[in-house]
């Protein structure tokens, strides 16, 4: 049985940050999702779309609406959104509040606490969890982090422990 196609919408965040050797800063210049997917050796039908490359601390409701429009336009009913962890819960709640027109779609937000390019990142694990969750979960808006799946509006980031919890 062939799995349904999945839209993978990249928004940036820590997952896609890289170290700039001249400035010493973490920068967002490209998505590393193609590299991550190649390493995963998956057998899925994925459509990758870079919606934005932004630090989530800089995201506005205009950015969230842009993401919402990308979800609306997606032909796929299974959608994974990579997003920075600082405001991931805010975006999940925004999408849940505007879910009426998205009815029947499953949206899973995920990200990383450490950039993929710097090594020892949780990003690949979280992406794998989100990929499985989007295929098995009922329609709605969720966050997949730390091997757990949370319903939008029922999750928070624990900054002291660096994990998400309900």
Protein backbone atom coordinates (compact mmCIF):
# COMPACT_ATOMS: atom_id res chain seq x y z
CA UNK A 1 0.00 0.00 0.00
CA UNK A 2 1.47 3.33 -1.09
CA UNK A 3 1.30 6.12 1.53
CA UNK A 4 -0.48 9.38 0.73
CA UNK A 5 1.65 12.28 -0.49
CA UNK A 6 2.96 14.67 2.16
CA UNK A 7 3.61 18.41 1.85
CA UNK A 8 6.70 19.53 3.77
CA UNK A 9 6.54 23.29 4.37
CA UNK A 10 9.79 24.85 5.61
CA UNK A 11 9.62 28.01 7.69
CA UNK A 12 13.19 28.14 9.01
CA UNK A 13 13.95 28.17 12.71
CA UNK A 14 16.85 26.53 14.49
CA UNK A 15 16.57 23.39 12.35
CA UNK A 16 17.77 25.35 9.29
CA UNK A 17 20.33 27.59 10.99
CA UNK A 18 24.00 27.37 10.11
CA UNK A 19 27.14 28.85 11.62
CA UNK A 20 28.58 31.74 9.61
CA UNK A 21 32.39 31.40 9.88
CA UNK A 22 33.12 35.11 9.33
CA UNK A 23 30.56 36.68 11.67
CA UNK A 24 30.27 33.85 14.20
CA UNK A 25 26.48 34.15 14.05
CA UNK A 26 23.81 31.58 13.35
CA UNK A 27 22.19 32.41 10.00
CA UNK A 28 19.26 31.25 7.89
CA UNK A 29 20.32 31.02 4.25
CA UNK A 30 18.83 27.75 3.01
CA UNK A 31 16.76 24.80 4.14
CA UNK A 32 18.65 21.65 5.04
CA UNK A 33 15.55 19.50 4.63
CA UNK A 34 16.75 18.01 1.29
CA UNK A 35 19.93 16.79 3.03
CA UNK A 36 17.96 15.45 5.97
CA UNK A 37 15.52 13.63 3.69
CA UNK A 38 18.37 12.09 1.70
CA UNK A 39 19.89 10.74 4.93
CA UNK A 40 16.51 9.33 5.96
CA UNK A 41 16.38 6.97 2.94
CA UNK A 42 12.57 7.26 2.95
CA UNK A 43 10.10 5.78 0.48
CA UNK A 44 7.53 8.56 0.72
CA UNK A 45 6.07 10.98 -1.80
CA UNK A 46 7.11 14.36 -0.40
CA UNK A 47 6.72 17.83 -1.86
CA UNK A 48 9.09 20.32 -0.28
CA UNK A 49 8.16 24.00 -0.29
CA UNK A 50 10.16 26.73 1.42
CA UNK A 51 7.52 29.14 2.70
CA UNK A 52 10.05 31.32 4.53
CA UNK A 53 13.40 31.07 6.29
CA UNK A 54 12.83 32.97 9.49
CA UNK A 55 13.79 32.85 13.14
CA UNK A 56 10.49 32.12 14.87
CA UNK A 57 11.13 34.92 17.38
CA UNK A 58 10.67 37.29 14.42
CA UNK A 59 7.46 35.70 13.12
CA UNK A 60 4.38 37.89 12.89
CA UNK A 61 0.72 37.09 12.35
CA UNK A 62 1.28 38.19 8.73
CA UNK A 63 3.90 35.41 8.45
CA UNK A 64 1.49 32.97 10.08
CA UNK A 65 -1.20 33.96 7.59
CA UNK A 66 1.28 33.37 4.76
CA UNK A 67 1.88 29.87 6.16
CA UNK A 68 -1.87 29.34 6.54
CA UNK A 69 -2.36 30.28 2.87
CA UNK A 70 0.34 27.75 1.89
CA UNK A 71 -1.55 25.08 3.87
CA UNK A 72 -4.80 26.05 2.16
CA UNK A 73 -3.17 25.87 -1.28
CA UNK A 74 -1.59 22.46 -0.60
CA UNK A 75 -3.28 19.66 -2.52
CA UNK A 76 -2.00 17.20 0.08
CA UNK A 77 -4.05 16.48 3.20
CA UNK A 78 -0.92 15.52 5.17
CA UNK A 79 1.26 18.55 5.93
CA UNK A 80 4.46 18.81 7.99
CA UNK A 81 5.65 22.29 8.92
CA UNK A 82 9.20 22.88 10.11
CA UNK A 83 9.28 25.84 12.46
CA UNK A 84 11.43 27.45 15.13
CA UNK A 85 10.65 26.22 18.62
CA UNK A 86 10.41 29.62 20.35
CA UNK A 87 6.99 30.44 18.87
CA UNK A 88 5.95 27.07 17.47
CA UNK A 89 3.07 26.85 19.94
CA UNK A 90 1.84 30.31 18.88
CA UNK A 91 1.78 29.28 15.22
CA UNK A 92 0.07 25.97 16.03
CA UNK A 93 -2.63 27.86 17.94
CA UNK A 94 -3.02 30.36 15.09
CA UNK A 95 -3.49 27.55 12.58
CA UNK A 96 -5.94 25.78 14.92
CA UNK A 97 -8.02 28.96 15.27
CA UNK A 98 -8.19 29.25 11.47
CA UNK A 99 -8.67 25.51 10.87
CA UNK A 100 -12.24 25.71 9.50
CA UNK A 101 -11.13 26.00 5.87
CA UNK A 102 -8.38 23.41 6.40
CA UNK A 103 -10.85 20.77 7.60
CA UNK A 104 -9.72 17.28 6.71
CA UNK A 105 -6.02 18.20 6.70
CA UNK A 106 -3.50 17.01 9.26
CA UNK A 107 -0.88 19.62 10.15
CA UNK A 108 2.15 18.62 12.20
CA UNK A 109 4.64 21.29 13.31
CA UNK A 110 8.14 20.20 14.25
CA UNK A 111 11.61 21.65 14.60
CA UNK A 112 14.86 21.36 16.51
CA UNK A 113 16.52 22.72 19.64
CA UNK A 114 19.95 22.54 17.96
CA UNK A 115 20.75 23.28 14.29
CA UNK A 116 21.01 20.23 12.04
CA UNK A 117 24.27 21.52 10.51
CA UNK A 118 26.00 21.76 13.91
CA UNK A 119 25.55 18.06 14.64
CA UNK A 120 23.98 16.27 17.58
CA UNK A 121 20.66 17.81 16.58
CA UNK A 122 17.26 16.47 17.50
CA UNK A 123 15.98 17.71 14.13
CA UNK A 124 16.19 14.46 12.17
CA UNK A 125 14.51 12.51 14.98
CA UNK A 126 11.71 15.10 15.26
CA UNK A 127 11.22 15.14 11.48
CA UNK A 128 10.94 11.33 11.49
CA UNK A 129 8.39 11.44 14.29
CA UNK A 130 6.39 14.11 12.45
CA UNK A 131 6.49 12.07 9.25
CA UNK A 132 5.03 9.03 10.98
CA UNK A 133 2.51 11.09 12.97
CA UNK A 134 1.12 12.87 9.89
CA UNK A 135 0.29 9.49 8.37
CA UNK A 136 -1.41 8.04 11.46
CA UNK A 137 -3.10 10.97 13.22
CA UNK A 138 -6.62 12.26 12.76
CA UNK A 139 -7.04 15.62 10.98
CA UNK A 140 -6.16 18.63 13.15
CA UNK A 141 -3.16 20.70 14.22
CA UNK A 142 -0.38 19.13 16.27
CA UNK A 143 3.22 19.56 17.41
CA UNK A 144 5.65 16.62 17.21
CA UNK A 145 8.69 17.13 19.42
CA UNK A 146 10.84 14.93 21.64
CA UNK A 147 9.14 11.73 20.45
CA UNK A 148 5.71 12.95 21.52
CA UNK A 149 2.67 14.31 19.73
CA UNK A 150 0.77 17.24 21.26
CA UNK A 151 -2.51 18.85 20.25
CA UNK A 152 -2.26 22.57 19.42
CA UNK A 153 -3.25 24.66 22.41
CA UNK A 154 -2.36 21.88 24.86
CA UNK A 155 1.44 22.13 24.77
CA UNK A 156 4.16 24.47 25.96
CA UNK A 157 7.92 24.71 25.59
CA UNK A 158 9.79 24.07 28.82
CA UNK A 159 12.79 26.35 28.35
CA UNK A 160 14.61 25.05 31.45
CA UNK A 161 14.58 21.43 30.21
CA UNK A 162 14.59 22.16 26.46
CA UNK A 163 11.55 19.96 25.78
CA UNK A 164 7.87 20.31 25.00
CA UNK A 165 5.22 19.10 27.45
CA UNK A 166 1.48 19.33 28.02
